[in-house]
């Protein structure tokens, strides 16, 4: 269940490793900033509360260090000019990798050109090549010309929303030349909370067939369920969000777009807890816990690991 015969690719984005066999590396957590209704925003002209933004980034860095879970930020912008402001601020503030979240392909291309001008392609994750893009081949060629190394591919089929529909969507995109990048991580497109399971199953199928790192925006399934706050209140929503994202990180997920960075204090402990349980599930299956000092189980339960490894795996 937690071991693939197919060799699993481990990609490096800046100084972060993502992918591999389940439990080999901690999941890569990707926050959102400057999204609609983000309280640090003043307007869409690049005006925002810089001190608060810096505090949020530094808090994520602190949580990343303490848990061993790597992280970055995807910054939402409506225009290339707005994106430039956020990119400059981010690069002055942190060494973490980053992404730009822009829905319109032409505007995203302009922002990507700016990143290439700065020469920071190694720490930039392009998000994303999608099934809805009209010219995937042209987009791929442009990205290669700009020296872009790390990309997200979204896998989804409106006509077949099953896990296999996502697999076939990925196959189609890869066949358009999108298989040429150093890093390809596959977003299996969470549409709502219950369909998250389809994305998780698609993760397993894609890792079995391609060995590529897989994950999703599990916050889509939780934050889009507005009625949960009516049913359970804000504390109930927060619990649901943490449980869904933690559970998803166990089931064949190498990364997680976890939503607004302000939620980091609950998401990092939830994902760390889930990954600790994944580590012992993997040990029961394989008799091994990877020698990775950043694994949450090695950070918090090193004495337990020694006792279990000495005792041997359950037969």
C-alpha atoms as a PDB file:
ATOM      1  CA  UNK A   1       0.000   0.000   0.000  1.00  0.00           C
ATOM      2  CA  UNK A   2       2.820   2.409   0.825  1.00  0.00           C
ATOM      3  CA  UNK A   3       5.565   1.043  -1.415  1.00  0.00           C
ATOM      4  CA  UNK A   4       5.700   1.413  -5.193  1.00  0.00           C
ATOM      5  CA  UNK A   5       7.588  -0.918  -7.529  1.00  0.00           C
ATOM      6  CA  UNK A   6       8.019   2.002  -9.916  1.00  0.00           C
ATOM      7  CA  UNK A   7      11.069   4.123  -9.096  1.00  0.00           C
ATOM      8  CA  UNK A   8       9.846   7.367  -7.549  1.00  0.00           C
ATOM      9  CA  UNK A   9      11.372  10.641  -8.677  1.00  0.00           C
ATOM     10  CA  UNK A  10      12.707  13.037  -6.042  1.00  0.00           C
ATOM     11  CA  UNK A  11      12.806  16.629  -7.314  1.00  0.00           C
ATOM     12  CA  UNK A  12      14.800  19.530  -5.880  1.00  0.00           C
ATOM     13  CA  UNK A  13      13.275  23.009  -5.842  1.00  0.00           C
ATOM     14  CA  UNK A  14      15.875  25.320  -4.379  1.00  0.00           C
ATOM     15  CA  UNK A  15      17.039  23.435  -1.291  1.00  0.00           C
ATOM     16  CA  UNK A  16      13.792  21.467  -0.931  1.00  0.00           C
ATOM     17  CA  UNK A  17      13.251  17.849  -1.915  1.00  0.00           C
ATOM     18  CA  UNK A  18       9.786  16.720  -2.955  1.00  0.00           C
ATOM     19  CA  UNK A  19       8.610  13.255  -3.982  1.00  0.00           C
ATOM     20  CA  UNK A  20       9.911   9.736  -3.517  1.00  0.00           C
ATOM     21  CA  UNK A  21       8.398   6.705  -1.866  1.00  0.00           C
ATOM     22  CA  UNK A  22       5.712   7.407   0.761  1.00  0.00           C
ATOM     23  CA  UNK A  23       7.409   8.500   3.957  1.00  0.00           C
ATOM     24  CA  UNK A  24      10.773   9.172   2.287  1.00  0.00           C
ATOM     25  CA  UNK A  25      10.451  12.964   2.474  1.00  0.00           C
ATOM     26  CA  UNK A  26       8.112  15.206   4.437  1.00  0.00           C
ATOM     27  CA  UNK A  27       5.269  16.643   2.359  1.00  0.00           C
ATOM     28  CA  UNK A  28       5.922  20.026   0.766  1.00  0.00           C
ATOM     29  CA  UNK A  29       3.448  22.627   2.086  1.00  0.00           C
ATOM     30  CA  UNK A  30       2.562  25.566  -0.163  1.00  0.00           C
ATOM     31  CA  UNK A  31       0.734  28.560   1.288  1.00  0.00           C
ATOM     32  CA  UNK A  32      -1.287  31.247  -0.432  1.00  0.00           C
ATOM     33  CA  UNK A  33      -0.782  35.003   0.045  1.00  0.00           C
ATOM     34  CA  UNK A  34      -2.401  38.070  -1.517  1.00  0.00           C
ATOM     35  CA  UNK A  35      -5.498  36.076  -2.451  1.00  0.00           C
ATOM     36  CA  UNK A  36      -8.919  37.721  -2.570  1.00  0.00           C
ATOM     37  CA  UNK A  37     -10.052  38.775   0.922  1.00  0.00           C
ATOM     38  CA  UNK A  38      -6.516  38.479   2.292  1.00  0.00           C
ATOM     39  CA  UNK A  39      -6.570  40.975   5.167  1.00  0.00           C
ATOM     40  CA  UNK A  40      -3.030  42.177   4.516  1.00  0.00           C
ATOM     41  CA  UNK A  41      -4.102  43.571   1.111  1.00  0.00           C
ATOM     42  CA  UNK A  42      -4.907  47.260   0.715  1.00  0.00           C
ATOM     43  CA  UNK A  43      -5.610  47.136  -3.015  1.00  0.00           C
ATOM     44  CA  UNK A  44      -4.599  45.299  -6.189  1.00  0.00           C
ATOM     45  CA  UNK A  45      -1.951  47.874  -7.087  1.00  0.00           C
ATOM     46  CA  UNK A  46       0.712  46.246  -4.910  1.00  0.00           C
ATOM     47  CA  UNK A  47      -0.178  47.988  -1.653  1.00  0.00           C
ATOM     48  CA  UNK A  48      -0.224  45.723   1.393  1.00  0.00           C
ATOM     49  CA  UNK A  49       0.762  45.507   5.052  1.00  0.00           C
ATOM     50  CA  UNK A  50       4.428  44.623   4.630  1.00  0.00           C
ATOM     51  CA  UNK A  51       5.123  44.122   8.321  1.00  0.00           C
ATOM     52  CA  UNK A  52       2.232  41.691   8.738  1.00  0.00           C
ATOM     53  CA  UNK A  53       3.195  39.876   5.536  1.00  0.00           C
ATOM     54  CA  UNK A  54       6.747  39.481   6.824  1.00  0.00           C
ATOM     55  CA  UNK A  55       5.476  38.143  10.158  1.00  0.00           C
ATOM     56  CA  UNK A  56       3.357  35.523   8.391  1.00  0.00           C
ATOM     57  CA  UNK A  57       6.289  34.391   6.251  1.00  0.00           C
ATOM     58  CA  UNK A  58       8.612  34.205   9.261  1.00  0.00           C
ATOM     59  CA  UNK A  59       5.997  32.205  11.197  1.00  0.00           C
ATOM     60  CA  UNK A  60       5.830  29.681   8.362  1.00  0.00           C
ATOM     61  CA  UNK A  61       9.641  29.470   8.353  1.00  0.00           C
ATOM     62  CA  UNK A  62       9.593  28.794  12.101  1.00  0.00           C
ATOM     63  CA  UNK A  63       6.975  26.043  11.742  1.00  0.00           C
ATOM     64  CA  UNK A  64       8.925  24.536   8.854  1.00  0.00           C
ATOM     65  CA  UNK A  65      12.114  24.375  10.924  1.00  0.00           C
ATOM     66  CA  UNK A  66      10.434  22.900  13.985  1.00  0.00           C
ATOM     67  CA  UNK A  67       8.470  20.205  12.141  1.00  0.00           C
ATOM     68  CA  UNK A  68      10.948  19.440   9.354  1.00  0.00           C
ATOM     69  CA  UNK A  69       8.214  20.059   6.779  1.00  0.00           C
ATOM     70  CA  UNK A  70       9.455  22.175   3.834  1.00  0.00           C
ATOM     71  CA  UNK A  71       7.377  25.104   2.681  1.00  0.00           C
ATOM     72  CA  UNK A  72       6.957  27.946   0.232  1.00  0.00           C
ATOM     73  CA  UNK A  73       4.401  30.595  -0.741  1.00  0.00           C
ATOM     74  CA  UNK A  74       2.346  30.965  -3.905  1.00  0.00           C
ATOM     75  CA  UNK A  75       1.486  34.638  -4.351  1.00  0.00           C
ATOM     76  CA  UNK A  76      -1.773  35.555  -6.050  1.00  0.00           C
ATOM     77  CA  UNK A  77      -1.672  38.492  -8.456  1.00  0.00           C
ATOM     78  CA  UNK A  78      -4.011  39.872 -11.086  1.00  0.00           C
ATOM     79  CA  UNK A  79      -1.405  41.654 -13.222  1.00  0.00           C
ATOM     80  CA  UNK A  80       2.309  41.273 -13.989  1.00  0.00           C
ATOM     81  CA  UNK A  81       2.957  44.662 -12.358  1.00  0.00           C
ATOM     82  CA  UNK A  82       1.313  43.528  -9.144  1.00  0.00           C
ATOM     83  CA  UNK A  83       3.223  40.255  -9.250  1.00  0.00           C
ATOM     84  CA  UNK A  84       6.560  42.114  -9.545  1.00  0.00           C
ATOM     85  CA  UNK A  85       5.881  43.960  -6.270  1.00  0.00           C
ATOM     86  CA  UNK A  86       5.201  40.712  -4.424  1.00  0.00           C
ATOM     87  CA  UNK A  87       8.193  38.922  -5.962  1.00  0.00           C
ATOM     88  CA  UNK A  88      10.612  41.695  -4.968  1.00  0.00           C
ATOM     89  CA  UNK A  89       9.230  41.775  -1.428  1.00  0.00           C
ATOM     90  CA  UNK A  90       9.383  38.000  -1.066  1.00  0.00           C
ATOM     91  CA  UNK A  91      12.963  37.696  -2.286  1.00  0.00           C
ATOM     92  CA  UNK A  92      14.014  40.385   0.199  1.00  0.00           C
ATOM     93  CA  UNK A  93      12.245  38.568   3.039  1.00  0.00           C
ATOM     94  CA  UNK A  94      13.020  34.854   2.729  1.00  0.00           C
ATOM     95  CA  UNK A  95      15.092  32.186   0.979  1.00  0.00           C
ATOM     96  CA  UNK A  96      12.117  29.836   0.602  1.00  0.00           C
ATOM     97  CA  UNK A  97      11.042  28.914  -2.940  1.00  0.00           C
ATOM     98  CA  UNK A  98       7.992  30.678  -4.333  1.00  0.00           C
ATOM     99  CA  UNK A  99       5.288  30.550  -6.944  1.00  0.00           C
ATOM    100  CA  UNK A 100       2.964  32.988  -8.664  1.00  0.00           C
ATOM    101  CA  UNK A 101      -0.740  32.176  -8.871  1.00  0.00           C
ATOM    102  CA  UNK A 102      -2.232  33.856 -11.933  1.00  0.00           C
ATOM    103  CA  UNK A 103      -5.153  32.368 -13.813  1.00  0.00           C
ATOM    104  CA  UNK A 104      -4.699  34.254 -17.120  1.00  0.00           C
ATOM    105  CA  UNK A 105      -1.919  32.536 -19.076  1.00  0.00           C
ATOM    106  CA  UNK A 106      -0.719  35.667 -20.899  1.00  0.00           C
ATOM    107  CA  UNK A 107      -0.301  37.616 -17.661  1.00  0.00           C
ATOM    108  CA  UNK A 108       1.357  34.633 -15.986  1.00  0.00           C
ATOM    109  CA  UNK A 109       3.830  34.524 -18.880  1.00  0.00           C
ATOM    110  CA  UNK A 110       4.777  38.180 -18.317  1.00  0.00           C
ATOM    111  CA  UNK A 111       5.383  37.582 -14.615  1.00  0.00           C
ATOM    112  CA  UNK A 112       7.498  34.540 -15.494  1.00  0.00           C
ATOM    113  CA  UNK A 113       9.617  36.676 -17.820  1.00  0.00           C
ATOM    114  CA  UNK A 114      10.382  38.950 -14.863  1.00  0.00           C
ATOM    115  CA  UNK A 115      11.473  35.964 -12.786  1.00  0.00           C
ATOM    116  CA  UNK A 116      13.834  34.933 -15.583  1.00  0.00           C
ATOM    117  CA  UNK A 117      15.251  38.476 -15.720  1.00  0.00           C
ATOM    118  CA  UNK A 118      16.020  38.242 -11.995  1.00  0.00           C
ATOM    119  CA  UNK A 119      17.746  34.883 -12.523  1.00  0.00           C
ATOM    120  CA  UNK A 120      15.849  33.100  -9.722  1.00  0.00           C
ATOM    121  CA  UNK A 121      14.457  30.213 -11.785  1.00  0.00           C
ATOM    122  CA  UNK A 122      15.960  27.634  -9.419  1.00  0.00           C
ATOM    123  CA  UNK A 123      13.650  28.649  -6.557  1.00  0.00           C
ATOM    124  CA  UNK A 124      10.565  29.336  -8.700  1.00  0.00           C
ATOM    125  CA  UNK A 125       7.720  26.822  -9.110  1.00  0.00           C
ATOM    126  CA  UNK A 126       5.606  27.576 -12.185  1.00  0.00           C
ATOM    127  CA  UNK A 127       1.934  27.043 -11.436  1.00  0.00           C
ATOM    128  CA  UNK A 128       0.681  25.675 -13.714  1.00  0.00           C
ATOM    129  CA  UNK A 129       0.275  23.906 -17.028  1.00  0.00           C
ATOM    130  CA  UNK A 130      -3.398  22.962 -17.190  1.00  0.00           C
ATOM    131  CA  UNK A 131      -5.819  20.951 -19.339  1.00  0.00           C
ATOM    132  CA  UNK A 132      -7.556  24.234 -20.197  1.00  0.00           C
ATOM    133  CA  UNK A 133      -4.499  25.881 -21.770  1.00  0.00           C
ATOM    134  CA  UNK A 134      -5.057  26.448 -25.485  1.00  0.00           C
ATOM    135  CA  UNK A 135      -1.420  26.053 -26.580  1.00  0.00           C
ATOM    136  CA  UNK A 136       0.422  23.694 -24.245  1.00  0.00           C
ATOM    137  CA  UNK A 137       3.298  23.127 -26.672  1.00  0.00           C
ATOM    138  CA  UNK A 138       3.835  26.862 -27.115  1.00  0.00           C
ATOM    139  CA  UNK A 139       3.704  27.418 -23.363  1.00  0.00           C
ATOM    140  CA  UNK A 140       6.261  24.671 -22.766  1.00  0.00           C
ATOM    141  CA  UNK A 141       8.633  26.095 -25.367  1.00  0.00           C
ATOM    142  CA  UNK A 142       8.347  29.572 -23.849  1.00  0.00           C
ATOM    143  CA  UNK A 143       9.085  28.238 -20.364  1.00  0.00           C
ATOM    144  CA  UNK A 144      12.127  26.332 -21.587  1.00  0.00           C
ATOM    145  CA  UNK A 145      13.419  29.435 -23.367  1.00  0.00           C
ATOM    146  CA  UNK A 146      13.114  31.314 -20.056  1.00  0.00           C
ATOM    147  CA  UNK A 147      15.060  28.637 -18.204  1.00  0.00           C
ATOM    148  CA  UNK A 148      12.116  27.533 -16.064  1.00  0.00           C
ATOM    149  CA  UNK A 149      12.981  24.218 -14.397  1.00  0.00           C
ATOM    150  CA  UNK A 150      10.110  23.452 -12.006  1.00  0.00           C
ATOM    151  CA  UNK A 151       6.449  23.201 -13.018  1.00  0.00           C
ATOM    152  CA  UNK A 152       3.094  22.062 -11.701  1.00  0.00           C
ATOM    153  CA  UNK A 153       0.868  20.129 -14.082  1.00  0.00           C
ATOM    154  CA  UNK A 154      -2.823  20.084 -13.283  1.00  0.00           C
ATOM    155  CA  UNK A 155      -4.529  16.804 -14.098  1.00  0.00           C
ATOM    156  CA  UNK A 156      -8.301  16.947 -14.568  1.00  0.00           C
ATOM    157  CA  UNK A 157     -10.955  16.026 -17.114  1.00  0.00           C
ATOM    158  CA  UNK A 158     -14.336  17.782 -16.975  1.00  0.00           C
ATOM    159  CA  UNK A 159     -15.952  14.894 -18.854  1.00  0.00           C
ATOM    160  CA  UNK A 160     -14.402  12.153 -16.721  1.00  0.00           C
ATOM    161  CA  UNK A 161     -13.934  13.285 -13.129  1.00  0.00           C
ATOM    162  CA  UNK A 162     -12.848   9.840 -11.911  1.00  0.00           C
ATOM    163  CA  UNK A 163      -9.268   9.112 -10.829  1.00  0.00           C
ATOM    164  CA  UNK A 164      -8.559   7.556 -14.234  1.00  0.00           C
ATOM    165  CA  UNK A 165      -9.803  10.727 -15.903  1.00  0.00           C
ATOM    166  CA  UNK A 166      -7.051  12.600 -14.105  1.00  0.00           C
ATOM    167  CA  UNK A 167      -4.462  10.032 -15.194  1.00  0.00           C
ATOM    168  CA  UNK A 168      -5.504  10.356 -18.843  1.00  0.00           C
ATOM    169  CA  UNK A 169      -5.435  14.151 -18.559  1.00  0.00           C
ATOM    170  CA  UNK A 170      -1.832  13.989 -17.341  1.00  0.00           C
ATOM    171  CA  UNK A 171      -0.910  11.618 -20.178  1.00  0.00           C
ATOM    172  CA  UNK A 172      -2.331  14.072 -22.710  1.00  0.00           C
ATOM    173  CA  UNK A 173      -0.432  17.037 -21.275  1.00  0.00           C
ATOM    174  CA  UNK A 174       2.845  15.102 -21.110  1.00  0.00           C
ATOM    175  CA  UNK A 175       2.353  14.062 -24.743  1.00  0.00           C
ATOM    176  CA  UNK A 176       2.270  17.771 -25.682  1.00  0.00           C
ATOM    177  CA  UNK A 177       5.936  18.103 -24.693  1.00  0.00           C
ATOM    178  CA  UNK A 178       5.481  18.949 -21.006  1.00  0.00           C
ATOM    179  CA  UNK A 179       7.721  16.078 -19.908  1.00  0.00           C
ATOM    180  CA  UNK A 180      10.956  18.053 -20.403  1.00  0.00           C
ATOM    181  CA  UNK A 181      11.306  19.859 -17.065  1.00  0.00           C
ATOM    182  CA  UNK A 182      13.659  18.979 -14.202  1.00  0.00           C
ATOM    183  CA  UNK A 183      10.736  19.041 -11.789  1.00  0.00           C
ATOM    184  CA  UNK A 184       7.200  17.993 -12.619  1.00  0.00           C
ATOM    185  CA  UNK A 185       4.769  17.814  -9.732  1.00  0.00           C
ATOM    186  CA  UNK A 186       1.201  16.778 -10.484  1.00  0.00           C
ATOM    187  CA  UNK A 187      -1.787  18.559  -8.953  1.00  0.00           C
ATOM    188  CA  UNK A 188      -4.685  16.116  -9.123  1.00  0.00           C
ATOM    189  CA  UNK A 189      -7.306  18.857  -8.857  1.00  0.00           C
ATOM    190  CA  UNK A 190      -9.472  18.830  -5.756  1.00  0.00           C
ATOM    191  CA  UNK A 191     -12.948  20.114  -6.617  1.00  0.00           C
ATOM    192  CA  UNK A 192     -14.781  19.677  -3.284  1.00  0.00           C
ATOM    193  CA  UNK A 193     -14.395  17.782  -0.018  1.00  0.00           C
ATOM    194  CA  UNK A 194     -15.801  14.352  -0.992  1.00  0.00           C
ATOM    195  CA  UNK A 195     -14.052  14.344  -4.381  1.00  0.00           C
ATOM    196  CA  UNK A 196     -10.742  14.764  -2.574  1.00  0.00           C
ATOM    197  CA  UNK A 197     -10.706  10.964  -2.417  1.00  0.00           C
ATOM    198  CA  UNK A 198     -10.652  10.812  -6.230  1.00  0.00           C
ATOM    199  CA  UNK A 199      -7.597  13.076  -6.212  1.00  0.00           C
ATOM    200  CA  UNK A 200      -5.867  10.879  -3.631  1.00  0.00           C
ATOM    201  CA  UNK A 201      -6.557   7.722  -5.615  1.00  0.00           C
ATOM    202  CA  UNK A 202      -5.261   9.509  -8.726  1.00  0.00           C
ATOM    203  CA  UNK A 203      -2.066  10.297  -6.779  1.00  0.00           C
ATOM    204  CA  UNK A 204      -1.545   6.586  -6.196  1.00  0.00           C
ATOM    205  CA  UNK A 205      -2.279   5.660  -9.827  1.00  0.00           C
ATOM    206  CA  UNK A 206       0.069   8.355 -11.178  1.00  0.00           C
ATOM    207  CA  UNK A 207       2.868   7.423  -8.802  1.00  0.00           C
ATOM    208  CA  UNK A 208       2.417   3.774  -9.807  1.00  0.00           C
ATOM    209  CA  UNK A 209       2.610   4.578 -13.518  1.00  0.00           C
ATOM    210  CA  UNK A 210       4.972   7.574 -13.749  1.00  0.00           C
ATOM    211  CA  UNK A 211       6.738   7.849 -10.388  1.00  0.00           C
ATOM    212  CA  UNK A 212       6.063  11.592 -10.339  1.00  0.00           C
ATOM    213  CA  UNK A 213       5.450  13.616  -7.164  1.00  0.00           C
ATOM    214  CA  UNK A 214       1.720  14.129  -6.673  1.00  0.00           C
ATOM    215  CA  UNK A 215      -0.498  16.211  -4.445  1.00  0.00           C
ATOM    216  CA  UNK A 216      -3.289  18.720  -4.524  1.00  0.00           C
ATOM    217  CA  UNK A 217      -4.911  21.875  -3.252  1.00  0.00           C
ATOM    218  CA  UNK A 218      -6.693  20.126  -0.405  1.00  0.00           C
ATOM    219  CA  UNK A 219      -7.774  23.528   0.882  1.00  0.00           C
ATOM    220  CA  UNK A 220     -10.125  23.682  -2.112  1.00  0.00           C
ATOM    221  CA  UNK A 221     -12.118  20.855  -0.595  1.00  0.00           C
ATOM    222  CA  UNK A 222     -12.267  22.444   2.856  1.00  0.00           C
ATOM    223  CA  UNK A 223     -12.421  26.206   2.313  1.00  0.00           C
ATOM    224  CA  UNK A 224     -15.035  25.902  -0.448  1.00  0.00           C
ATOM    225  CA  UNK A 225     -17.418  24.080   1.910  1.00  0.00           C
ATOM    226  CA  UNK A 226     -18.944  27.278   3.303  1.00  0.00           C
ATOM    227  CA  UNK A 227     -21.814  25.470   5.030  1.00  0.00           C
ATOM    228  CA  UNK A 228     -19.390  23.768   7.422  1.00  0.00           C
ATOM    229  CA  UNK A 229     -19.141  27.017   9.403  1.00  0.00           C
ATOM    230  CA  UNK A 230     -22.934  27.095   9.668  1.00  0.00           C
ATOM    231  CA  UNK A 231     -23.099  23.473  10.802  1.00  0.00           C
ATOM    232  CA  UNK A 232     -20.150  23.503  13.210  1.00  0.00           C
ATOM    233  CA  UNK A 233     -18.994  27.091  13.736  1.00  0.00           C
ATOM    234  CA  UNK A 234     -15.510  28.456  13.089  1.00  0.00           C
ATOM    235  CA  UNK A 235     -13.811  26.002  15.470  1.00  0.00           C
ATOM    236  CA  UNK A 236     -15.556  23.108  13.763  1.00  0.00           C
ATOM    237  CA  UNK A 237     -14.412  24.400  10.372  1.00  0.00           C
ATOM    238  CA  UNK A 238     -10.817  24.666  11.582  1.00  0.00           C
ATOM    239  CA  UNK A 239     -10.936  21.092  12.872  1.00  0.00           C
ATOM    240  CA  UNK A 240     -12.409  19.793   9.631  1.00  0.00           C
ATOM    241  CA  UNK A 241      -9.765  21.663   7.624  1.00  0.00           C
ATOM    242  CA  UNK A 242      -6.889  20.268   9.690  1.00  0.00           C
ATOM    243  CA  UNK A 243      -8.221  16.698   9.597  1.00  0.00           C
ATOM    244  CA  UNK A 244      -8.861  16.691   5.839  1.00  0.00           C
ATOM    245  CA  UNK A 245      -5.464  18.145   4.991  1.00  0.00           C
ATOM    246  CA  UNK A 246      -3.621  15.916   7.448  1.00  0.00           C
ATOM    247  CA  UNK A 247      -5.373  12.780   6.205  1.00  0.00           C
ATOM    248  CA  UNK A 248      -4.701  13.738   2.590  1.00  0.00           C
ATOM    249  CA  UNK A 249      -0.988  14.066   3.318  1.00  0.00           C
ATOM    250  CA  UNK A 250      -0.910  10.379   4.323  1.00  0.00           C
ATOM    251  CA  UNK A 251      -2.522   9.079   1.150  1.00  0.00           C
ATOM    252  CA  UNK A 252       0.152   9.308  -1.536  1.00  0.00           C
ATOM    253  CA  UNK A 253       0.656  13.087  -1.374  1.00  0.00           C
ATOM    254  CA  UNK A 254       4.065  14.643  -1.833  1.00  0.00           C
ATOM    255  CA  UNK A 255       2.811  18.219  -1.563  1.00  0.00           C
ATOM    256  CA  UNK A 256      -0.181  20.228  -0.454  1.00  0.00           C
ATOM    257  CA  UNK A 257      -1.426  23.657  -1.482  1.00  0.00           C
ATOM    258  CA  UNK A 258      -2.787  24.206   1.996  1.00  0.00           C
ATOM    259  CA  UNK A 259      -4.527  27.558   1.635  1.00  0.00           C
ATOM    260  CA  UNK A 260      -4.014  30.957   3.320  1.00  0.00           C
ATOM    261  CA  UNK A 261      -0.691  31.285   5.118  1.00  0.00           C
ATOM    262  CA  UNK A 262      -2.544  32.542   8.193  1.00  0.00           C
ATOM    263  CA  UNK A 263      -3.708  28.926   8.739  1.00  0.00           C
ATOM    264  CA  UNK A 264      -0.131  27.634   9.059  1.00  0.00           C
ATOM    265  CA  UNK A 265      -0.254  27.279  12.880  1.00  0.00           C
ATOM    266  CA  UNK A 266      -2.933  24.593  12.580  1.00  0.00           C
ATOM    267  CA  UNK A 267      -1.917  22.982   9.279  1.00  0.00           C
ATOM    268  CA  UNK A 268       1.737  22.277  10.093  1.00  0.00           C
ATOM    269  CA  UNK A 269       0.944  20.385  13.340  1.00  0.00           C
ATOM    270  CA  UNK A 270      -1.864  18.499  11.573  1.00  0.00           C
ATOM    271  CA  UNK A 271       0.364  17.435   8.677  1.00  0.00           C
ATOM    272  CA  UNK A 272       3.292  16.636  10.981  1.00  0.00           C
ATOM    273  CA  UNK A 273       1.017  14.409  13.085  1.00  0.00           C
ATOM    274  CA  UNK A 274      -0.306  12.662   9.995  1.00  0.00           C
ATOM    275  CA  UNK A 275       3.206  12.108   8.655  1.00  0.00           C
ATOM    276  CA  UNK A 276       4.345  10.609  11.953  1.00  0.00           C
ATOM    277  CA  UNK A 277       1.561   8.030  11.591  1.00  0.00           C
ATOM    278  CA  UNK A 278       2.502   7.479   7.945  1.00  0.00           C
ATOM    279  CA  UNK A 279       6.081   6.739   9.015  1.00  0.00           C
ATOM    280  CA  UNK A 280       4.982   3.881  11.285  1.00  0.00           C
ATOM    281  CA  UNK A 281       2.566   2.577   8.653  1.00  0.00           C
ATOM    282  CA  UNK A 282       5.479   2.494   6.202  1.00  0.00           C
ATOM    283  CA  UNK A 283       7.679   0.797   8.804  1.00  0.00           C
ATOM    284  CA  UNK A 284       5.102  -1.922   9.374  1.00  0.00           C
ATOM    285  CA  UNK A 285       5.038  -2.590   5.632  1.00  0.00           C
ATOM    286  CA  UNK A 286       8.743  -2.260   4.829  1.00  0.00           C
ATOM    287  CA  UNK A 287      10.630  -2.669   8.110  1.00  0.00           C
ATOM    288  CA  UNK A 288      12.334   0.667   7.470  1.00  0.00           C
ATOM    289  CA  UNK A 289      12.119   4.322   8.441  1.00  0.00           C
ATOM    290  CA  UNK A 290      14.159   6.467   6.025  1.00  0.00           C
ATOM    291  CA  UNK A 291      17.337   8.090   7.316  1.00  0.00           C
ATOM    292  CA  UNK A 292      15.988  11.589   6.810  1.00  0.00           C
ATOM    293  CA  UNK A 293      16.551  13.881   9.758  1.00  0.00           C
ATOM    294  CA  UNK A 294      13.732  16.190   8.640  1.00  0.00           C
ATOM    295  CA  UNK A 295      11.031  13.561   9.071  1.00  0.00           C
ATOM    296  CA  UNK A 296       8.672  14.665  11.852  1.00  0.00           C
ATOM    297  CA  UNK A 297       8.933  11.235  13.512  1.00  0.00           C
ATOM    298  CA  UNK A 298      12.728  11.606  13.735  1.00  0.00           C
ATOM    299  CA  UNK A 299      12.396  15.107  15.154  1.00  0.00           C
ATOM    300  CA  UNK A 300       9.909  14.165  17.858  1.00  0.00           C
ATOM    301  CA  UNK A 301      10.163  10.401  18.481  1.00  0.00           C
ATOM    302  CA  UNK A 302      13.778   9.382  17.911  1.00  0.00           C
ATOM    303  CA  UNK A 303      13.831   7.184  21.042  1.00  0.00           C
ATOM    304  CA  UNK A 304      10.746   5.338  19.846  1.00  0.00           C
ATOM    305  CA  UNK A 305      12.308   4.727  16.432  1.00  0.00           C
ATOM    306  CA  UNK A 306      15.380   3.168  18.030  1.00  0.00           C
ATOM    307  CA  UNK A 307      13.263   0.764  20.070  1.00  0.00           C
ATOM    308  CA  UNK A 308      11.052  -0.210  17.140  1.00  0.00           C
ATOM    309  CA  UNK A 309      13.930  -0.722  14.699  1.00  0.00           C
ATOM    310  CA  UNK A 310      15.794  -2.810  17.248  1.00  0.00           C
ATOM    311  CA  UNK A 311      12.694  -4.933  17.762  1.00  0.00           C
ATOM    312  CA  UNK A 312      12.171  -5.466  14.044  1.00  0.00           C
ATOM    313  CA  UNK A 313       9.138  -5.095  11.802  1.00  0.00           C
ATOM    314  CA  UNK A 314       5.942  -6.974  12.553  1.00  0.00           C
ATOM    315  CA  UNK A 315       5.821 -10.138  10.461  1.00  0.00           C
END
